[in-house]
Amino acid sequence: MESCSSNNGNEEWRAENAIAGNGEAIEALRELITFPLLYSRESQKLGLKWPRGLLLHGPPGTGKTSLVRAVVRECGAHLTVVSPHSVHRAHAGESEKILREAFAEASSHSKLGKPSVIFIDEIDVLCPRRDSRREQDIRVASQLFMLMDSNKPSSTSVPQVVVVASTNRVDAIDPALRRSGRFDAEIEVTTPTEEERFQILKLYTRTLPLDSSVDLRAIAASCNGYVGADLEALCREATMSAIRKSSNVIEEAGVCSLTMDDWKHARSVIGPSITRGVTVEIPKVSWEDIGGLKNLKKKLQQAVEWPLKHSAAFSRMGVSPLRGILLHGPPGCSKTTLAKAAAHAAQASFFSLSGAELYSMYVGEGEALLRNTFRRARLAAPSIIFFDEADVVAAKRGGSSSSNIGVGERLLSTLLTEMDGLEQVKGILVLAATNRPHAIDAALMRPGRFDLANSRRY
């Protein structure tokens, strides 16, 4: 357990001085911590009960902990940090005692007229779902429930204790925590947009000597899927590249400056952490490397490159980009090579899946891999998901009751749901190749799934 008092000293200090982007989460934290102080008189007149809990969830590295620390410093509140390694103890009762002490300390500071915040990091470890709990987890979760329920909201002018928690696995948390009265609001801290990446890069490069050729907006536009921690590592690697190139950096201070070459080198070393383990390196195959096929290459450029590079124009004109493209033709006629060239030209996050990866001896493992790939592709959008030999994954349904056909039908059902289900698919293009288009299920061939089917013949 970590405790600290934040006295900003400088009245002009703002959370934006320490962290960029995530405006919605910053405003939600400000409302949670400062509104009971700013509008105490109004709350007494209206009998308003202020919320006492906020859950921040999102991928690792998006700045959830940094957000809480920055807003606490801005508000001058007292911060108590509770983490799993500080709570879990070997003997029964010790973990619950640590939680009680944390809430008691926060309550004592709030009685002094100062806002008090308890921040629980990685709450999915402290309070997992009940079907996966151990005895110790049950005791800790029960103690936390009791402490949060006893922390009743009040309309008085005395500041109360607010609880903020963070996790990158929101579905692994006990549902009993995700109700009003405990965590009243949930804010998703997502991967930053292009504009937010630009603001984060500006923040991290404030003190770096940048060459006049450096275009931070171009760098931000090329960093799809990068979270705040990735961008910080990118700046560090670019600085190290500039230092290595400067031979006199020790004797002469200030001679090394960061050029676009340093940033390009850093991008080749530092990739988006969200896509690690599931993406493949984009092959360096250009359109010029493929002879002929002028009309086909033009169609692919319009379908793959234009929606990614001119997304603003598509939105302005109300044109919806294609969701899927199917390349079909005899073996050896450059279908996979065309897909590589399209991915390289678009410079999007590239995910590649094959039937061998999706078919597993364990029930549900292939479907889970497919769902996880689409989930990561949404986070790293714009993205391209490539299915080679798509007829294996999307074979026609019916006609047999063997287990192999059953697995194929489950995979196809998952693919249909991910491509055109209730969850909005934005910024993802599904690219598939096959030499047996007649074997693909008809449900995939309609508009909205595979909108475009290009035939490649000898």
Protein backbone atom coordinates (compact mmCIF):
# COMPACT_ATOMS: atom_id res chain seq x y z
CA MET A 1 0.00 0.00 0.00
CA GLU A 2 1.32 3.38 -0.99
CA SER A 3 0.14 6.67 0.43
CA CYS A 4 1.00 10.19 -0.63
CA SER A 5 -0.37 13.69 -0.32
CA SER A 6 -0.49 15.79 -3.46
CA ASN A 7 -0.02 19.48 -2.90
CA ASN A 8 0.42 21.02 -6.30
CA GLY A 9 1.91 24.27 -5.01
CA ASN A 10 1.42 25.84 -8.43
CA GLU A 11 -2.20 26.86 -8.89
CA GLU A 12 -1.81 26.83 -12.66
CA TRP A 13 -0.70 23.20 -12.83
CA ARG A 14 -3.13 21.06 -14.84
CA ALA A 15 -3.39 17.35 -15.52
CA GLU A 16 -2.72 18.09 -19.20
CA ASN A 17 0.81 19.15 -18.22
CA ALA A 18 1.63 15.53 -17.38
CA ILE A 19 -0.59 13.50 -19.68
CA ALA A 20 -2.15 14.05 -23.10
CA GLY A 21 -5.33 12.66 -24.63
CA ASN A 22 -8.00 10.76 -22.65
CA GLY A 23 -10.12 13.89 -22.18
CA GLU A 24 -13.23 11.92 -21.21
CA ALA A 25 -11.43 10.05 -18.42
CA ILE A 26 -9.82 13.27 -17.10
CA GLU A 27 -13.20 15.02 -16.90
CA ALA A 28 -14.81 12.01 -15.21
CA LEU A 29 -12.08 11.95 -12.55
CA ARG A 30 -12.39 15.70 -11.98
CA GLU A 31 -16.13 15.37 -11.51
CA LEU A 32 -15.70 12.48 -9.10
CA ILE A 33 -13.10 14.24 -6.92
CA THR A 34 -13.79 17.98 -7.15
CA PHE A 35 -17.53 18.34 -7.82
CA PRO A 36 -18.55 17.40 -4.23
CA LEU A 37 -16.39 20.34 -3.07
CA LEU A 38 -17.34 22.83 -5.78
CA TYR A 39 -21.09 22.19 -5.58
CA SER A 40 -21.57 21.21 -1.95
CA ARG A 41 -24.20 23.90 -1.35
CA GLU A 42 -26.21 22.89 -4.40
CA SER A 43 -26.03 19.22 -3.43
CA GLN A 44 -27.41 20.03 0.04
CA LYS A 45 -30.36 21.91 -1.47
CA LEU A 46 -31.13 19.17 -3.98
CA GLY A 47 -30.33 16.23 -1.70
CA LEU A 48 -27.85 14.96 -4.26
CA LYS A 49 -25.79 11.89 -3.41
CA TRP A 50 -22.45 11.99 -5.17
CA PRO A 51 -21.02 8.82 -6.78
CA ARG A 52 -18.14 7.25 -4.90
CA GLY A 53 -16.57 4.85 -7.40
CA LEU A 54 -15.10 4.88 -10.91
CA LEU A 55 -13.67 1.98 -12.91
CA LEU A 56 -11.06 2.68 -15.60
CA HIS A 57 -10.50 -0.13 -18.09
CA GLY A 58 -8.51 -0.43 -21.27
CA PRO A 59 -5.44 -2.03 -22.84
CA PRO A 60 -2.11 -1.98 -20.98
CA GLY A 61 -0.02 1.15 -21.47
CA THR A 62 -2.87 3.57 -22.17
CA GLY A 63 -2.12 5.65 -19.05
CA LYS A 64 -4.78 4.62 -16.53
CA THR A 65 -2.49 4.95 -13.50
CA SER A 66 -0.91 8.15 -14.84
CA LEU A 67 -4.38 9.66 -15.32
CA VAL A 68 -5.29 9.11 -11.67
CA ARG A 69 -2.00 10.50 -10.37
CA ALA A 70 -2.21 13.59 -12.61
CA VAL A 71 -5.79 14.48 -11.62
CA VAL A 72 -5.05 13.84 -7.92
CA ARG A 73 -2.09 16.20 -8.12
CA GLU A 74 -4.19 18.82 -9.88
CA CYS A 75 -6.93 18.63 -7.25
CA GLY A 76 -4.52 18.57 -4.30
CA ALA A 77 -6.12 15.38 -2.98
CA HIS A 78 -4.63 12.66 -0.79
CA LEU A 79 -3.88 9.45 -2.70
CA THR A 80 -3.75 5.93 -1.28
CA VAL A 81 -2.60 3.26 -3.75
CA VAL A 82 -3.62 -0.36 -3.21
CA SER A 83 -2.09 -3.03 -5.46
CA PRO A 84 -2.37 -6.83 -5.42
CA HIS A 85 1.23 -7.39 -4.32
CA SER A 86 0.75 -5.08 -1.33
CA VAL A 87 -2.49 -6.76 -0.24
CA HIS A 88 -1.92 -10.47 -0.72
CA ARG A 89 -0.34 -12.05 2.36
CA ALA A 90 0.36 -15.62 3.38
CA HIS A 91 -1.65 -15.67 6.64
CA ALA A 92 -5.42 -15.48 6.85
CA GLY A 93 -6.76 -12.07 7.85
CA GLU A 94 -3.67 -10.03 6.93
CA SER A 95 -4.94 -9.05 3.48
CA GLU A 96 -8.28 -7.88 4.86
CA LYS A 97 -6.46 -5.87 7.56
CA ILE A 98 -4.42 -4.02 4.91
CA LEU A 99 -7.60 -3.07 3.06
CA ARG A 100 -9.25 -1.81 6.28
CA GLU A 101 -6.16 0.27 7.10
CA ALA A 102 -6.15 1.82 3.63
CA PHE A 103 -9.79 2.90 3.90
CA ALA A 104 -9.27 4.14 7.48
CA GLU A 105 -6.29 6.27 6.42
CA ALA A 106 -8.21 7.75 3.50
CA SER A 107 -11.19 8.50 5.75
CA SER A 108 -8.98 10.28 8.29
CA HIS A 109 -7.65 12.64 5.59
CA SER A 110 -11.14 13.34 4.27
CA LYS A 111 -12.26 14.44 7.75
CA LEU A 112 -9.56 17.12 7.65
CA GLY A 113 -11.42 18.80 4.79
CA LYS A 114 -9.26 17.35 2.02
CA PRO A 115 -10.41 15.09 -0.86
CA SER A 116 -9.16 11.54 -0.48
CA VAL A 117 -8.76 8.99 -3.27
CA ILE A 118 -8.15 5.25 -2.97
CA PHE A 119 -6.69 3.86 -6.19
CA ILE A 120 -6.89 0.07 -6.65
CA ASP A 121 -4.57 -1.09 -9.42
CA GLU A 122 -5.25 -4.37 -11.27
CA ILE A 123 -8.53 -4.95 -9.45
CA ASP A 124 -9.19 -8.08 -11.54
CA VAL A 125 -6.45 -9.80 -9.50
CA LEU A 126 -8.01 -8.80 -6.17
CA CYS A 127 -11.62 -9.53 -7.13
CA PRO A 128 -11.80 -12.13 -9.91
CA ARG A 129 -15.04 -13.76 -11.00
CA ARG A 130 -16.48 -16.19 -8.50
CA ASP A 131 -16.08 -19.23 -10.71
CA SER A 132 -12.28 -18.82 -10.63
CA ARG A 133 -11.74 -17.75 -7.03
CA ARG A 134 -9.59 -19.22 -4.31
CA GLU A 135 -10.51 -19.00 -0.65
CA GLN A 136 -8.22 -15.99 -0.13
CA ASP A 137 -9.79 -14.17 -3.09
CA ILE A 138 -13.25 -14.70 -1.60
CA ARG A 139 -12.19 -13.18 1.73
CA VAL A 140 -10.52 -10.16 0.09
CA ALA A 141 -13.47 -9.53 -2.22
CA SER A 142 -15.95 -9.76 0.64
CA GLN A 143 -13.92 -7.28 2.68
CA LEU A 144 -13.74 -4.86 -0.25
CA PHE A 145 -17.50 -5.11 -0.81
CA MET A 146 -18.15 -4.30 2.84
CA LEU A 147 -15.75 -1.34 2.86
CA MET A 148 -17.21 0.14 -0.33
CA ASP A 149 -20.77 -0.29 0.94
CA SER A 150 -19.88 1.39 4.24
CA ASN A 151 -18.41 4.33 2.31
CA LYS A 152 -21.84 5.88 1.87
CA PRO A 153 -22.28 8.90 -0.39
CA SER A 154 -23.23 12.08 1.34
CA SER A 155 -24.61 15.51 0.44
CA THR A 156 -22.70 17.23 3.24
CA SER A 157 -19.85 19.62 2.58
CA VAL A 158 -17.32 17.27 4.16
CA PRO A 159 -15.37 15.48 1.39
CA GLN A 160 -15.86 11.76 1.23
CA VAL A 161 -13.55 8.96 0.15
CA VAL A 162 -13.72 8.08 -3.55
CA VAL A 163 -12.51 4.76 -4.95
CA VAL A 164 -10.93 4.51 -8.40
CA ALA A 165 -9.88 1.16 -9.85
CA SER A 166 -8.15 0.13 -13.05
CA THR A 167 -7.93 -3.07 -15.05
CA ASN A 168 -7.12 -4.31 -18.53
CA ARG A 169 -9.47 -7.32 -18.16
CA VAL A 170 -12.81 -5.81 -17.30
CA ASP A 171 -14.72 -9.06 -17.98
CA ALA A 172 -12.62 -10.87 -15.37
CA ILE A 173 -13.95 -8.70 -12.51
CA ASP A 174 -16.66 -9.96 -10.18
CA PRO A 175 -19.99 -8.59 -11.51
CA ALA A 176 -20.98 -7.63 -7.97
CA LEU A 177 -18.51 -4.73 -8.18
CA ARG A 178 -19.98 -3.37 -11.40
CA ARG A 179 -23.19 -1.95 -9.99
CA SER A 180 -24.33 1.46 -8.87
CA GLY A 181 -23.29 2.17 -5.31
CA ARG A 182 -19.88 0.60 -5.79
CA PHE A 183 -18.40 1.50 -9.15
CA ASP A 184 -21.08 3.89 -10.37
CA ALA A 185 -19.35 4.68 -13.68
CA GLU A 186 -17.03 2.85 -16.06
CA ILE A 187 -14.72 4.74 -18.43
CA GLU A 188 -12.84 2.99 -21.21
CA VAL A 189 -9.33 4.32 -21.78
CA THR A 190 -8.78 3.26 -25.37
CA THR A 191 -5.83 3.43 -27.70
CA PRO A 192 -5.23 7.06 -28.70
CA THR A 193 -6.46 8.51 -31.98
CA GLU A 194 -4.14 10.21 -34.46
CA GLU A 195 -4.75 13.63 -32.88
CA GLU A 196 -4.19 12.25 -29.38
CA ARG A 197 -0.97 10.55 -30.53
CA PHE A 198 0.19 13.92 -31.86
CA GLN A 199 -0.53 15.56 -28.48
CA ILE A 200 1.31 12.76 -26.64
CA LEU A 201 4.34 13.12 -28.92
CA LYS A 202 4.34 16.88 -28.35
CA LEU A 203 4.32 16.24 -24.62
CA TYR A 204 7.22 13.77 -24.71
CA THR A 205 9.33 15.86 -27.14
CA ARG A 206 9.06 19.17 -25.25
CA THR A 207 12.69 19.01 -24.16
CA LEU A 208 14.12 17.07 -27.11
CA PRO A 209 16.17 18.85 -29.80
CA LEU A 210 14.14 18.18 -32.96
CA ASP A 211 15.52 18.78 -36.42
CA SER A 212 13.53 21.09 -38.70
CA SER A 213 12.71 18.11 -40.93
CA VAL A 214 10.81 16.29 -38.15
CA ASP A 215 7.03 16.23 -38.72
CA LEU A 216 5.32 15.02 -35.55
CA ARG A 217 1.94 14.83 -37.28
CA ALA A 218 3.33 12.47 -39.92
CA ILE A 219 4.90 10.34 -37.18
CA ALA A 220 1.60 10.25 -35.27
CA ALA A 221 -0.26 9.24 -38.43
CA SER A 222 2.11 6.32 -39.00
CA CYS A 223 1.84 4.98 -35.43
CA ASN A 224 -1.49 3.15 -35.62
CA GLY A 225 -2.16 1.06 -32.52
CA TYR A 226 0.54 2.73 -30.38
CA VAL A 227 -0.48 3.48 -26.79
CA GLY A 228 1.10 6.11 -24.57
CA ALA A 229 3.77 3.76 -23.22
CA ASP A 230 4.73 2.76 -26.78
CA LEU A 231 5.06 6.40 -27.82
CA GLU A 232 7.28 7.11 -24.80
CA ALA A 233 9.50 4.17 -25.77
CA LEU A 234 9.51 5.45 -29.37
CA CYS A 235 10.82 8.84 -28.24
CA ARG A 236 13.46 7.16 -26.10
CA GLU A 237 14.64 4.94 -28.95
CA ALA A 238 14.77 7.89 -31.37
CA THR A 239 16.89 9.81 -28.85
CA MET A 240 19.24 6.84 -28.42
CA SER A 241 19.57 6.58 -32.20
CA ALA A 242 20.55 10.26 -32.42
CA ILE A 243 23.09 9.84 -29.61
CA ARG A 244 24.68 6.81 -31.26
CA LYS A 245 25.08 8.74 -34.52
CA SER A 246 26.68 11.73 -32.83
CA SER A 247 30.35 11.01 -32.10
CA ASN A 248 31.00 14.25 -30.20
CA VAL A 249 27.91 14.28 -28.03
CA ILE A 250 30.00 14.02 -24.84
CA GLU A 251 32.45 16.81 -25.69
CA GLU A 252 29.99 19.22 -27.27
CA ALA A 253 26.60 19.53 -25.65
CA GLY A 254 23.63 20.08 -27.89
CA VAL A 255 25.16 18.96 -31.19
CA CYS A 256 22.86 15.96 -31.62
CA SER A 257 19.32 16.55 -32.85
CA LEU A 258 16.61 14.08 -33.75
CA THR A 259 15.98 13.68 -37.49
CA MET A 260 13.28 11.80 -39.38
CA ASP A 261 15.79 8.97 -39.94
CA ASP A 262 16.02 8.52 -36.17
CA TRP A 263 12.24 8.28 -35.92
CA LYS A 264 12.08 5.79 -38.80
CA HIS A 265 14.71 3.66 -37.06
CA ALA A 266 12.78 3.87 -33.79
CA ARG A 267 9.59 2.73 -35.54
CA SER A 268 11.41 -0.31 -36.92
CA VAL A 269 12.44 -1.26 -33.37
CA ILE A 270 9.41 -0.24 -31.30
CA GLY A 271 6.05 -1.61 -32.44
CA PRO A 272 2.58 -1.39 -30.88
CA SER A 273 2.46 -3.58 -27.78
CA ILE A 274 -1.23 -4.41 -28.36
CA THR A 275 -0.42 -6.42 -31.48
CA ARG A 276 2.62 -8.29 -30.18
CA GLY A 277 2.36 -12.01 -30.71
CA VAL A 278 -0.52 -11.87 -33.19
CA THR A 279 0.70 -9.63 -36.01
CA VAL A 280 3.21 -10.38 -38.70
CA GLU A 281 5.77 -8.07 -40.20
CA ILE A 282 4.35 -6.31 -43.24
CA PRO A 283 6.14 -7.77 -46.28
CA LYS A 284 8.05 -5.21 -48.36
CA VAL A 285 6.27 -6.01 -51.61
CA SER A 286 5.22 -3.01 -53.69
CA TRP A 287 2.80 -2.77 -56.58
CA GLU A 288 5.77 -2.35 -58.92
CA ASP A 289 7.03 -5.80 -57.95
CA ILE A 290 3.95 -7.38 -59.56
CA GLY A 291 3.86 -7.36 -63.34
CA GLY A 292 0.66 -6.70 -65.26
CA LEU A 293 -2.73 -6.90 -63.50
CA LYS A 294 -3.24 -3.17 -63.96
CA ASN A 295 -7.02 -3.18 -63.47
CA LEU A 296 -6.87 -5.56 -60.50
CA LYS A 297 -4.17 -3.51 -58.75
CA LYS A 298 -6.19 -0.34 -59.28
CA LYS A 299 -9.28 -1.97 -57.71
CA LEU A 300 -7.26 -3.10 -54.69
CA GLN A 301 -5.74 0.36 -54.26
CA GLN A 302 -9.20 1.90 -54.28
CA ALA A 303 -10.60 -0.69 -51.88
CA VAL A 304 -7.65 -0.99 -49.44
CA GLU A 305 -5.54 2.18 -49.58
CA TRP A 306 -8.09 4.90 -50.18
CA PRO A 307 -10.34 4.23 -47.13
CA LEU A 308 -7.28 4.22 -44.85
CA LYS A 309 -5.37 7.17 -46.32
CA HIS A 310 -8.41 9.32 -47.10
CA SER A 311 -10.75 8.40 -44.25
CA ALA A 312 -11.75 12.05 -43.70
CA ALA A 313 -12.92 12.38 -47.31
CA PHE A 314 -14.92 9.14 -47.05
CA SER A 315 -16.63 10.41 -43.87
CA ARG A 316 -17.36 13.80 -45.42
CA MET A 317 -19.03 12.23 -48.45
CA GLY A 318 -20.85 9.59 -46.40
CA VAL A 319 -19.19 6.69 -48.23
CA SER A 320 -18.78 3.48 -46.24
CA PRO A 321 -15.54 1.61 -46.96
CA LEU A 322 -15.57 -2.05 -47.94
CA ARG A 323 -15.53 -4.59 -45.13
CA GLY A 324 -14.15 -7.56 -47.01
CA ILE A 325 -12.39 -8.51 -50.24
CA LEU A 326 -12.09 -12.04 -51.63
CA LEU A 327 -9.32 -12.88 -54.11
CA HIS A 328 -9.94 -16.12 -55.96
CA GLY A 329 -8.24 -17.92 -58.81
CA PRO A 330 -6.04 -20.93 -59.66
CA PRO A 331 -3.03 -21.80 -57.49
CA GLY A 332 0.13 -19.78 -58.19
CA CYS A 333 -1.52 -16.71 -59.73
CA SER A 334 -0.22 -14.17 -57.14
CA LYS A 335 -3.24 -13.88 -54.85
CA THR A 336 -1.13 -13.89 -51.68
CA THR A 337 1.44 -11.59 -53.28
CA LEU A 338 -1.30 -9.09 -54.14
CA ALA A 339 -2.47 -9.19 -50.51
CA LYS A 340 1.11 -8.51 -49.32
CA ALA A 341 1.44 -5.55 -51.69
CA ALA A 342 -1.89 -4.10 -50.54
CA ALA A 343 -0.89 -4.42 -46.87
CA HIS A 344 2.49 -2.81 -47.50
CA ALA A 345 0.99 0.09 -49.46
CA ALA A 346 -1.67 0.78 -46.82
CA GLN A 347 0.83 0.63 -43.88
CA ALA A 348 -1.89 -0.73 -41.63
CA SER A 349 -1.61 -3.24 -38.79
CA PHE A 350 -1.48 -6.62 -40.52
CA PHE A 351 -2.90 -9.81 -38.97
CA SER A 352 -2.57 -13.12 -40.77
CA LEU A 353 -4.52 -16.27 -39.92
CA SER A 354 -4.55 -19.72 -41.49
CA GLY A 355 -6.73 -22.77 -41.05
CA ALA A 356 -3.95 -24.66 -39.28
CA GLU A 357 -3.90 -22.04 -36.50
CA LEU A 358 -7.66 -22.02 -36.02
CA TYR A 359 -8.26 -25.78 -35.91
CA SER A 360 -7.40 -27.11 -32.46
CA MET A 361 -8.01 -30.30 -30.53
CA TYR A 362 -9.63 -28.25 -27.74
CA VAL A 363 -13.23 -27.12 -28.13
CA GLY A 364 -13.58 -23.35 -28.47
CA GLU A 365 -9.86 -22.55 -28.78
CA GLY A 366 -10.05 -21.64 -32.47
CA GLU A 367 -13.10 -19.45 -31.96
CA ALA A 368 -11.35 -17.69 -29.06
CA LEU A 369 -8.30 -17.00 -31.26
CA LEU A 370 -10.57 -15.57 -33.96
CA ARG A 371 -12.40 -13.30 -31.50
CA ASN A 372 -9.14 -12.19 -29.91
CA THR A 373 -7.68 -11.33 -33.33
CA PHE A 374 -10.67 -9.14 -34.21
CA ARG A 375 -10.56 -7.51 -30.76
CA ARG A 376 -6.90 -6.57 -31.15
CA ALA A 377 -7.50 -5.45 -34.73
CA ARG A 378 -10.18 -3.04 -33.46
CA LEU A 379 -7.74 -1.63 -30.92
CA ALA A 380 -4.97 -1.26 -33.51
CA ALA A 381 -7.24 0.08 -36.28
CA PRO A 382 -6.84 0.70 -39.14
CA SER A 383 -6.06 -2.98 -39.57
CA ILE A 384 -6.07 -5.70 -42.21
CA ILE A 385 -6.92 -9.31 -41.31
CA PHE A 386 -5.74 -11.74 -43.98
CA PHE A 387 -7.13 -15.27 -44.32
CA ASP A 388 -5.09 -17.47 -46.63
CA GLU A 389 -6.95 -20.50 -47.97
CA ALA A 390 -10.22 -19.01 -46.77
CA ASP A 391 -12.23 -22.04 -47.96
CA VAL A 392 -10.83 -24.01 -45.00
CA VAL A 393 -12.16 -21.51 -42.45
CA ALA A 394 -15.38 -20.56 -44.26
CA ALA A 395 -16.50 -23.85 -45.80
CA LYS A 396 -20.15 -24.41 -46.67
CA ARG A 397 -22.32 -25.59 -43.81
CA GLY A 398 -24.45 -28.71 -43.56
CA GLY A 399 -24.29 -32.16 -45.06
CA SER A 400 -22.24 -33.97 -42.42
CA SER A 401 -22.22 -34.55 -38.69
CA SER A 402 -18.52 -35.23 -38.19
CA SER A 403 -16.62 -33.35 -35.50
CA ASN A 404 -14.39 -31.69 -38.09
CA ILE A 405 -17.40 -30.18 -39.86
CA GLY A 406 -18.74 -29.09 -36.46
CA VAL A 407 -15.56 -27.16 -35.73
CA GLY A 408 -15.70 -25.53 -39.16
CA GLU A 409 -19.30 -24.43 -38.62
CA ARG A 410 -18.42 -22.90 -35.26
CA LEU A 411 -15.50 -21.03 -36.81
CA LEU A 412 -17.69 -19.78 -39.64
CA SER A 413 -20.38 -18.66 -37.20
CA THR A 414 -17.77 -16.72 -35.21
CA LEU A 415 -16.39 -15.13 -38.37
CA LEU A 416 -19.86 -14.07 -39.55
CA THR A 417 -20.61 -12.55 -36.15
CA GLU A 418 -17.32 -10.64 -35.99
CA MET A 419 -17.65 -9.28 -39.53
CA ASP A 420 -21.28 -8.22 -39.31
CA GLY A 421 -22.49 -8.63 -35.74
CA LEU A 422 -23.92 -6.29 -33.13
CA GLU A 423 -20.48 -4.90 -32.28
CA GLN A 424 -19.48 -2.24 -34.77
CA VAL A 425 -16.49 -3.11 -36.92
CA LYS A 426 -14.71 0.10 -37.85
CA GLY A 427 -11.30 0.46 -39.41
CA ILE A 428 -10.93 -3.27 -40.16
CA LEU A 429 -10.67 -4.78 -43.63
CA VAL A 430 -10.91 -8.56 -44.05
CA LEU A 431 -8.81 -9.79 -46.97
CA ALA A 432 -9.11 -13.43 -48.03
CA ALA A 433 -7.63 -15.63 -50.75
CA THR A 434 -8.80 -18.99 -52.07
CA ASN A 435 -8.58 -21.20 -55.14
CA ARG A 436 -12.00 -22.76 -54.42
CA PRO A 437 -14.56 -19.92 -54.27
CA HIS A 438 -17.40 -22.39 -54.81
CA ALA A 439 -16.57 -24.01 -51.44
CA ILE A 440 -17.12 -20.82 -49.42
CA ASP A 441 -20.42 -20.45 -47.57
CA ALA A 442 -22.93 -18.18 -49.31
CA ALA A 443 -23.49 -16.14 -46.14
CA LEU A 444 -20.01 -14.64 -46.52
CA MET A 445 -20.52 -13.63 -50.14
CA ARG A 446 -23.19 -11.00 -49.58
CA PRO A 447 -22.59 -7.22 -49.42
CA GLY A 448 -21.49 -6.13 -45.96
CA ARG A 449 -19.11 -9.07 -45.61
CA PHE A 450 -17.15 -9.79 -48.77
CA ASP A 451 -18.29 -6.74 -50.70
CA LEU A 452 -15.77 -7.27 -53.50
CA ALA A 453 -14.71 -10.56 -55.10
CA ASN A 454 -11.85 -10.30 -57.60
CA SER A 455 -10.99 -13.18 -59.87
CA ARG A 456 -7.35 -13.70 -60.81
CA ARG A 457 -6.89 -15.90 -63.89
CA TYR A 458 -3.86 -16.92 -65.89
